[in-house]
Amino acid sequence: MTDDRRPITDRRAVVVVLDGVGIGAAPDAASYGDRDSDTLGHVATGVGGLVLPALEAAGLAKIAPLAGMRAMPSPRAAYGLLEPRSAGKDSTTGHWELAGLQLSTPFPTYPSGFPTEVIEEFSRRTGRPVIANVVGSGTVVIQQFGPEHQATGAWIVYTSADSVFQIAAHEDTIPLAELYAGCEAARAMLVPPHNVSRVIARPFVGESGAYSRTTNRRDFSVEPLGETLLDALAAAGIPRTGVGKVDDLFARRGIDGGHTTGNADGIRQIANWLRSGSGFCFANLVDFDQLYGHRNDVQGFYRALQEFDRALPALVGALREDDLLFITADHGNDPTTPSTDHARECVPLLAFGPRVQPVPVGRRDSFSDLGATVAEWFGLPFRGAGRSFLPLLIGE
């Protein structure tokens, strides 16, 4: 393909990221402490076998053996596996790599909390004191520090094994607008060497002993450090629509967003886009990760898989002649391991469309191969860090 070829603007493509739904440890998982992680495999075993008829028919169990699922001899989708290539295992890194941008250096993490100078600067910029500065699960942190927060008006700041600066605040104590402004202040000050991947607003409500997080979460990511598929699509004049936190992960560069209240809302937005949208849709369904992986809730994780499985036939049935639909993930989050954090895993790949041949696309050595494939589908010269497998899908 030459650079002077015009983009193909009457085609559409959808990438749906099942957040945290990995399918086995990556080759370098041991260096991340994730040698034994296998999100889908362990969930399948943990629930006594998966019953996911739509994903089974698509060929999910042809990617890797999964208890309860058959490796269909004639799958309805093309199927394969993507290995992570970028350094790190957070959502920002995974989505960027899917869009063709790989990182050689991981974002910084803080296993002992943030340095004093970082906390003091954040307090100075926002005019409020800070409490906590711990590493932990957000649901535990708000129960532990919520009463002090409400009594003092101090920010609750915490982190995890991922590269995140999380700010929790009760919606009746600190208004959402101020919480978001505080996150923007943190994002502006967190520059190298403290350039964390994401600043996350974590609002909550309720009373002491019964606090609960709301759906008003917002992610404030660093801006992509190079060209992505979204930039290439934007330059070609092809519309880009985000569903879920995707726009946040790209710092709203090259994509408009539609935030969601959960997977059900995200699935509705994808279905609406398939009815009337154009160009490219990049969607994230976060409940697998946020509600279940991080809380080691195996049964909840399975229920979320069942919910998506029930919705999948209608999404596939809405595809037009020149549509591609990809199902994949951004990392693992195995709810059966002692860790409640992301896991360094390979991710599944399923591809649907009227023109798609249900063939194996193999074990790809980078998430970026997906971005390269989407770019070729639209007739763009961009390939990022990936290699397109479009000829395998449509036989061209």
Protein backbone atom coordinates (compact mmCIF):
# COMPACT_ATOMS: atom_id res chain seq x y z
CA MET A 1 0.00 0.00 0.00
CA THR A 2 1.34 3.41 -0.91
CA ASP A 3 0.95 6.55 1.14
CA ASP A 4 -1.07 8.30 -1.60
CA ARG A 5 -3.89 5.79 -1.50
CA ARG A 6 -7.11 7.41 -0.39
CA PRO A 7 -8.80 6.20 2.79
CA ILE A 8 -11.87 4.00 2.43
CA THR A 9 -14.48 6.05 4.26
CA ASP A 10 -17.54 3.87 3.69
CA ARG A 11 -16.20 1.05 5.88
CA ARG A 12 -16.66 0.67 9.63
CA ALA A 13 -14.75 -1.11 12.38
CA VAL A 14 -15.46 -1.76 16.06
CA VAL A 15 -12.93 -2.82 18.70
CA VAL A 16 -14.51 -3.99 21.96
CA VAL A 17 -12.05 -4.32 24.85
CA LEU A 18 -13.21 -6.65 27.61
CA ASP A 19 -11.19 -4.93 30.32
CA GLY A 20 -8.99 -7.39 32.18
CA VAL A 21 -10.13 -10.53 30.33
CA GLY A 22 -6.76 -12.16 29.72
CA ILE A 23 -6.30 -15.70 28.45
CA GLY A 24 -3.05 -16.91 29.98
CA ALA A 25 0.30 -15.67 31.24
CA ALA A 26 2.46 -13.77 28.75
CA PRO A 27 5.94 -15.16 28.02
CA ASP A 28 7.49 -12.57 30.37
CA ALA A 29 4.79 -12.82 33.07
CA ALA A 30 7.24 -14.11 35.68
CA SER A 31 9.13 -10.82 35.63
CA TYR A 32 5.87 -9.09 36.60
CA GLY A 33 5.06 -11.59 39.35
CA ASP A 34 2.25 -13.08 37.26
CA ARG A 35 3.60 -16.48 36.28
CA ASP A 36 0.44 -18.27 37.47
CA SER A 37 -2.15 -15.84 36.09
CA ASP A 38 -4.75 -17.07 33.60
CA THR A 39 -7.90 -15.00 33.91
CA LEU A 40 -10.27 -16.90 31.62
CA GLY A 41 -8.76 -20.30 32.34
CA HIS A 42 -8.97 -19.91 36.10
CA VAL A 43 -12.46 -18.39 36.02
CA ALA A 44 -13.58 -21.37 33.91
CA THR A 45 -12.17 -23.80 36.47
CA GLY A 46 -13.43 -21.76 39.41
CA VAL A 47 -17.06 -21.86 38.28
CA GLY A 48 -16.99 -25.51 37.27
CA GLY A 49 -16.91 -24.79 33.52
CA LEU A 50 -18.03 -21.86 31.38
CA VAL A 51 -21.40 -21.86 29.64
CA LEU A 52 -20.98 -19.11 27.04
CA PRO A 53 -22.72 -20.36 23.88
CA ALA A 54 -22.09 -17.32 21.68
CA LEU A 55 -18.40 -17.08 22.53
CA GLU A 56 -18.06 -20.85 22.21
CA ALA A 57 -19.62 -20.76 18.74
CA ALA A 58 -17.29 -17.90 17.81
CA GLY A 59 -14.26 -20.03 18.62
CA LEU A 60 -13.07 -18.72 21.99
CA ALA A 61 -11.97 -22.18 23.16
CA LYS A 62 -9.90 -22.63 20.00
CA ILE A 63 -7.60 -19.91 21.32
CA ALA A 64 -6.89 -21.81 24.55
CA PRO A 65 -8.55 -24.73 26.36
CA LEU A 66 -11.32 -23.54 28.68
CA ALA A 67 -13.22 -25.80 31.06
CA GLY A 68 -16.80 -26.29 29.94
CA MET A 69 -16.27 -24.98 26.40
CA ARG A 70 -15.81 -26.88 23.16
CA ALA A 71 -13.19 -25.96 20.58
CA MET A 72 -15.66 -25.70 17.71
CA PRO A 73 -14.51 -27.36 14.47
CA SER A 74 -16.30 -24.68 12.42
CA PRO A 75 -16.16 -21.43 14.40
CA ARG A 76 -18.18 -18.37 13.42
CA ALA A 77 -15.30 -15.92 13.82
CA ALA A 78 -11.63 -15.63 13.03
CA TYR A 79 -9.64 -16.23 16.18
CA GLY A 80 -6.18 -15.73 17.61
CA LEU A 81 -4.12 -14.52 20.52
CA LEU A 82 -2.24 -11.27 21.11
CA GLU A 83 0.92 -11.09 23.23
CA PRO A 84 1.75 -7.84 25.03
CA ARG A 85 4.89 -6.14 23.79
CA SER A 86 4.92 -2.85 25.72
CA ALA A 87 6.49 -2.54 29.14
CA GLY A 88 3.76 -2.49 31.78
CA LYS A 89 0.33 -4.00 32.30
CA ASP A 90 -2.03 -1.10 32.88
CA SER A 91 -5.08 -0.07 30.87
CA THR A 92 -3.41 2.92 29.25
CA THR A 93 -0.47 0.84 28.04
CA GLY A 94 -2.76 -1.91 26.72
CA HIS A 95 -5.06 0.42 24.81
CA TRP A 96 -2.16 2.40 23.37
CA GLU A 97 -0.54 -0.80 22.17
CA LEU A 98 -3.82 -1.91 20.57
CA ALA A 99 -3.74 1.43 18.74
CA GLY A 100 -0.21 0.87 17.46
CA LEU A 101 1.87 2.65 20.10
CA GLN A 102 4.31 0.57 22.14
CA LEU A 103 6.21 1.68 25.24
CA SER A 104 9.73 0.54 26.06
CA THR A 105 9.64 1.92 29.62
CA PRO A 106 6.79 1.26 32.05
CA PHE A 107 5.00 4.04 33.86
CA PRO A 108 6.20 4.50 37.47
CA THR A 109 4.53 2.67 40.34
CA TYR A 110 4.60 3.39 44.06
CA PRO A 111 4.54 0.24 46.22
CA SER A 112 5.14 2.33 49.36
CA GLY A 113 2.89 5.26 48.50
CA PHE A 114 3.86 8.57 46.93
CA PRO A 115 6.88 10.62 48.01
CA THR A 116 6.23 13.38 50.52
CA GLU A 117 7.08 16.09 48.01
CA VAL A 118 4.42 14.82 45.60
CA ILE A 119 1.71 14.78 48.26
CA GLU A 120 2.69 18.21 49.58
CA GLU A 121 2.64 19.74 46.11
CA PHE A 122 -0.79 18.25 45.38
CA SER A 123 -2.10 19.66 48.66
CA ARG A 124 -0.63 23.06 47.89
CA ARG A 125 -2.15 23.18 44.42
CA THR A 126 -5.61 22.14 45.55
CA GLY A 127 -5.82 23.88 48.93
CA ARG A 128 -6.85 20.74 50.80
CA PRO A 129 -4.86 18.39 53.06
CA VAL A 130 -4.26 14.78 52.10
CA ILE A 131 -4.85 11.63 54.12
CA ALA A 132 -4.10 7.94 53.48
CA ASN A 133 -1.37 7.86 50.80
CA VAL A 134 -1.51 4.08 50.98
CA VAL A 135 -1.43 1.14 48.60
CA GLY A 136 -4.69 -0.77 48.68
CA SER A 137 -8.09 -1.67 47.30
CA GLY A 138 -10.29 1.35 46.81
CA THR A 139 -13.32 -0.22 48.42
CA VAL A 140 -11.28 -0.91 51.57
CA VAL A 141 -9.58 2.48 51.53
CA ILE A 142 -12.81 4.49 51.51
CA GLN A 143 -14.21 2.47 54.44
CA GLN A 144 -11.01 3.03 56.40
CA PHE A 145 -10.48 6.72 55.68
CA GLY A 146 -14.00 7.91 54.77
CA PRO A 147 -14.99 9.19 58.23
CA GLU A 148 -11.78 11.21 58.62
CA HIS A 149 -12.23 12.56 55.09
CA GLN A 150 -15.76 13.73 55.86
CA ALA A 151 -14.71 15.27 59.15
CA THR A 152 -11.71 17.16 57.72
CA GLY A 153 -12.43 17.66 54.00
CA ALA A 154 -9.05 16.13 53.19
CA TRP A 155 -8.45 14.24 49.95
CA ILE A 156 -8.07 10.47 50.18
CA VAL A 157 -5.10 9.61 47.97
CA TYR A 158 -4.07 6.02 47.30
CA THR A 159 -2.48 3.82 44.66
CA SER A 160 -2.14 0.15 43.72
CA ALA A 161 0.36 -2.08 41.94
CA ASP A 162 -0.64 -0.19 38.79
CA SER A 163 0.61 3.24 37.78
CA VAL A 164 -2.28 5.25 39.21
CA PHE A 165 -2.77 8.29 41.45
CA GLN A 166 -6.28 7.75 42.80
CA ILE A 167 -8.25 10.47 44.55
CA ALA A 168 -11.35 9.50 46.50
CA ALA A 169 -13.89 11.98 47.79
CA HIS A 170 -17.44 11.76 49.14
CA GLU A 171 -19.78 13.54 46.77
CA ASP A 172 -21.43 15.40 49.68
CA THR A 173 -18.07 16.48 51.12
CA ILE A 174 -16.25 17.55 47.96
CA PRO A 175 -18.42 18.32 44.92
CA LEU A 176 -17.70 16.37 41.75
CA ALA A 177 -16.57 19.49 39.92
CA GLU A 178 -13.91 20.12 42.57
CA LEU A 179 -12.84 16.47 42.53
CA TYR A 180 -12.36 16.58 38.77
CA ALA A 181 -10.48 19.88 39.07
CA GLY A 182 -8.25 18.28 41.70
CA CYS A 183 -7.53 15.42 39.32
CA GLU A 184 -6.63 17.87 36.58
CA ALA A 185 -4.26 19.63 39.00
CA ALA A 186 -2.65 16.30 39.84
CA ARG A 187 -2.36 15.40 36.17
CA ALA A 188 -0.61 18.69 35.44
CA MET A 189 1.95 18.22 38.25
CA LEU A 190 2.69 14.52 37.67
CA VAL A 191 5.46 14.87 35.12
CA PRO A 192 8.63 12.75 34.82
CA PRO A 193 9.84 11.07 36.94
CA HIS A 194 6.36 10.90 38.48
CA ASN A 195 4.40 10.67 35.23
CA VAL A 196 1.90 8.06 36.40
CA SER A 197 -0.24 6.50 33.73
CA ARG A 198 -3.55 7.72 35.12
CA VAL A 199 -5.02 10.01 37.73
CA ILE A 200 -8.40 8.56 38.67
CA ALA A 201 -11.33 10.32 40.31
CA ARG A 202 -13.01 7.91 42.74
CA PRO A 203 -16.20 9.53 44.08
CA PHE A 204 -18.28 7.71 46.68
CA VAL A 205 -21.46 8.16 48.70
CA GLY A 206 -23.13 6.72 51.79
CA GLU A 207 -22.39 6.71 55.51
CA SER A 208 -19.56 5.42 57.65
CA GLY A 209 -19.43 1.65 57.48
CA ALA A 210 -21.53 1.56 54.31
CA TYR A 211 -19.74 3.72 51.77
CA SER A 212 -20.07 2.79 48.09
CA ARG A 213 -18.39 4.11 44.97
CA THR A 214 -20.50 5.80 42.30
CA THR A 215 -20.39 5.60 38.53
CA ASN A 216 -18.93 9.12 38.28
CA ARG A 217 -15.38 7.83 37.98
CA ARG A 218 -13.13 9.74 35.58
CA ASP A 219 -9.66 8.80 34.30
CA PHE A 220 -7.07 11.45 33.46
CA SER A 221 -4.36 9.78 31.38
CA VAL A 222 -1.07 11.07 30.11
CA GLU A 223 -1.28 12.06 26.46
CA PRO A 224 -0.01 9.41 24.02
CA LEU A 225 3.74 9.66 23.50
CA GLY A 226 3.55 9.10 19.75
CA GLU A 227 1.19 8.62 16.84
CA THR A 228 -1.71 6.24 17.34
CA LEU A 229 -4.34 4.69 15.11
CA LEU A 230 -6.74 7.37 16.35
CA ASP A 231 -4.43 10.12 15.12
CA ALA A 232 -4.15 8.44 11.73
CA LEU A 233 -7.93 8.05 11.46
CA ALA A 234 -8.41 11.68 12.46
CA ALA A 235 -5.94 12.85 9.81
CA ALA A 236 -7.89 10.84 7.23
CA GLY A 237 -11.19 12.40 8.27
CA ILE A 238 -12.68 9.13 9.53
CA PRO A 239 -14.99 9.57 12.54
CA ARG A 240 -13.87 8.06 15.86
CA THR A 241 -16.26 7.24 18.70
CA GLY A 242 -15.25 6.08 22.16
CA VAL A 243 -17.40 4.04 24.52
CA GLY A 244 -16.46 3.84 28.19
CA LYS A 245 -13.14 5.17 29.42
CA VAL A 246 -11.34 4.99 26.06
CA ASP A 247 -11.36 8.75 25.49
CA ASP A 248 -9.84 9.25 28.94
CA LEU A 249 -7.06 6.73 28.23
CA PHE A 250 -6.00 8.72 25.16
CA ALA A 251 -6.35 12.06 26.97
CA ARG A 252 -9.24 12.75 24.56
CA ARG A 253 -6.82 13.02 21.67
CA GLY A 254 -8.32 11.84 18.42
CA ILE A 255 -11.54 10.46 19.90
CA ASP A 256 -14.87 11.63 21.27
CA GLY A 257 -16.23 9.75 24.24
CA GLY A 258 -19.42 8.32 25.63
CA HIS A 259 -18.83 7.40 29.27
CA THR A 260 -20.79 4.48 30.66
CA THR A 261 -22.34 3.41 33.94
CA GLY A 262 -21.21 -0.19 33.43
CA ASN A 263 -21.10 -3.02 30.93
CA ALA A 264 -24.83 -3.02 30.18
CA ASP A 265 -24.71 0.67 29.31
CA GLY A 266 -21.57 0.14 27.23
CA ILE A 267 -23.20 -2.68 25.27
CA ARG A 268 -26.21 -0.43 24.60
CA GLN A 269 -23.93 2.32 23.31
CA ILE A 270 -22.11 -0.11 21.00
CA ALA A 271 -25.46 -1.37 19.69
CA ASN A 272 -26.62 2.21 19.09
CA TRP A 273 -23.42 2.98 17.20
CA LEU A 274 -23.89 -0.09 15.01
CA ARG A 275 -27.35 1.18 14.07
CA SER A 276 -26.32 4.67 13.04
CA GLY A 277 -22.60 5.33 13.56
CA SER A 278 -19.82 5.69 11.04
CA GLY A 279 -16.07 5.20 10.96
CA PHE A 280 -14.40 3.62 13.98
CA CYS A 281 -15.79 2.70 17.39
CA PHE A 282 -13.35 1.92 20.23
CA ALA A 283 -15.17 0.54 23.29
CA ASN A 284 -14.14 -0.54 26.77
CA LEU A 285 -16.35 -2.69 29.01
CA VAL A 286 -14.85 -2.09 32.43
CA ASP A 287 -16.90 -4.19 34.85
CA PHE A 288 -14.79 -7.34 34.43
CA ASP A 289 -11.79 -5.44 35.79
CA GLN A 290 -13.24 -2.77 38.04
CA LEU A 291 -16.00 -4.70 39.79
CA TYR A 292 -14.74 -8.28 39.76
CA GLY A 293 -11.06 -8.71 38.92
CA HIS A 294 -9.91 -6.12 41.43
CA ARG A 295 -12.19 -7.64 44.08
CA ASN A 296 -11.32 -11.30 43.43
CA ASP A 297 -14.98 -11.99 42.65
CA VAL A 298 -14.93 -15.08 40.45
CA GLN A 299 -18.71 -15.51 40.28
CA GLY A 300 -19.21 -11.84 39.46
CA PHE A 301 -16.62 -12.08 36.71
CA TYR A 302 -18.49 -15.05 35.25
CA ARG A 303 -21.83 -13.21 35.39
CA ALA A 304 -20.27 -10.36 33.43
CA LEU A 305 -19.04 -12.84 30.82
CA GLN A 306 -22.53 -14.31 30.58
CA GLU A 307 -24.03 -10.84 30.17
CA PHE A 308 -21.70 -10.09 27.29
CA ASP A 309 -22.27 -13.51 25.75
CA ARG A 310 -26.03 -12.90 25.68
CA ALA A 311 -25.49 -9.56 23.95
CA LEU A 312 -22.96 -10.75 21.37
CA PRO A 313 -25.36 -12.33 18.80
CA ALA A 314 -27.28 -9.07 18.44
CA LEU A 315 -24.06 -7.09 17.96
CA VAL A 316 -22.85 -9.50 15.29
CA GLY A 317 -26.27 -9.51 13.66
CA ALA A 318 -26.15 -5.72 13.32
CA LEU A 319 -22.96 -5.77 11.23
CA ARG A 320 -23.15 -4.43 7.69
CA GLU A 321 -21.38 -5.83 4.65
CA ASP A 322 -18.32 -3.61 5.14
CA ASP A 323 -18.04 -3.89 8.92
CA LEU A 324 -15.44 -5.55 11.14
CA LEU A 325 -16.02 -6.31 14.82
CA PHE A 326 -13.09 -7.29 17.04
CA ILE A 327 -13.35 -8.64 20.60
CA THR A 328 -10.15 -8.46 22.66
CA ALA A 329 -8.73 -7.23 26.00
CA ASP A 330 -6.04 -4.92 27.36
CA HIS A 331 -4.43 -7.09 30.11
CA GLY A 332 -5.45 -9.76 32.58
CA ASN A 333 -6.99 -9.46 36.02
CA ASP A 334 -7.21 -12.96 37.40
CA PRO A 335 -9.74 -13.00 40.26
CA THR A 336 -8.46 -16.34 41.57
CA THR A 337 -4.93 -15.25 42.49
CA PRO A 338 -4.02 -13.57 45.80
CA SER A 339 -3.30 -10.35 43.92
CA THR A 340 -6.14 -7.92 43.22
CA ASP A 341 -4.15 -6.12 40.54
CA HIS A 342 -3.70 -6.38 36.78
CA ALA A 343 -1.86 -9.40 35.39
CA ARG A 344 0.67 -9.65 32.56
CA GLU A 345 -1.34 -11.85 30.22
CA CYS A 346 -1.97 -12.51 26.57
CA VAL A 347 -5.43 -11.50 25.37
CA PRO A 348 -7.97 -13.22 23.15
CA LEU A 349 -8.85 -12.03 19.67
CA LEU A 350 -12.11 -12.75 17.87
CA ALA A 351 -13.03 -11.07 14.57
CA PHE A 352 -16.50 -10.96 13.04
CA GLY A 353 -17.96 -9.55 9.86
CA PRO A 354 -19.82 -10.62 6.71
CA ARG A 355 -16.53 -10.69 4.81
CA VAL A 356 -14.50 -12.36 7.56
CA GLN A 357 -13.28 -15.91 7.00
CA PRO A 358 -13.44 -17.98 10.23
CA VAL A 359 -9.76 -18.84 10.20
CA PRO A 360 -6.95 -18.81 12.76
CA VAL A 361 -4.88 -15.63 12.65
CA GLY A 362 -2.26 -17.18 14.92
CA ARG A 363 -0.36 -16.09 17.98
CA ARG A 364 0.51 -12.47 17.28
CA ASP A 365 3.56 -10.99 18.99
CA SER A 366 1.98 -7.61 19.70
CA PHE A 367 -1.40 -6.10 20.50
CA SER A 368 -0.47 -3.57 17.82
CA ASP A 369 -1.25 -6.05 15.06
CA LEU A 370 -4.89 -5.27 15.69
CA GLY A 371 -4.38 -1.54 15.15
CA ALA A 372 -2.44 -2.23 11.97
CA THR A 373 -5.29 -4.41 10.70
CA VAL A 374 -7.88 -1.71 11.36
CA ALA A 375 -5.67 0.83 9.61
CA GLU A 376 -5.37 -1.37 6.53
CA TRP A 377 -9.14 -1.94 6.53
CA PHE A 378 -9.59 1.82 6.18
CA GLY A 379 -6.89 2.10 3.53
CA LEU A 380 -4.48 4.08 5.71
CA PRO A 381 -0.68 3.97 5.39
CA PHE A 382 -0.34 3.89 9.21
CA ARG A 383 0.74 0.58 10.74
CA GLY A 384 2.23 1.79 14.01
CA ALA A 385 4.22 -0.94 15.68
CA GLY A 386 2.09 -3.75 14.28
CA ARG A 387 1.67 -6.06 11.31
CA SER A 388 -1.74 -6.31 9.72
CA PHE A 389 -3.48 -9.68 9.49
CA LEU A 390 -6.29 -8.31 7.28
CA PRO A 391 -5.38 -10.59 4.34
CA LEU A 392 -6.02 -13.60 6.57
CA LEU A 393 -9.44 -12.24 7.53
CA ILE A 394 -10.80 -11.37 4.13
CA GLY A 395 -8.55 -13.28 1.76
CA GLU A 396 -7.08 -10.27 -0.03
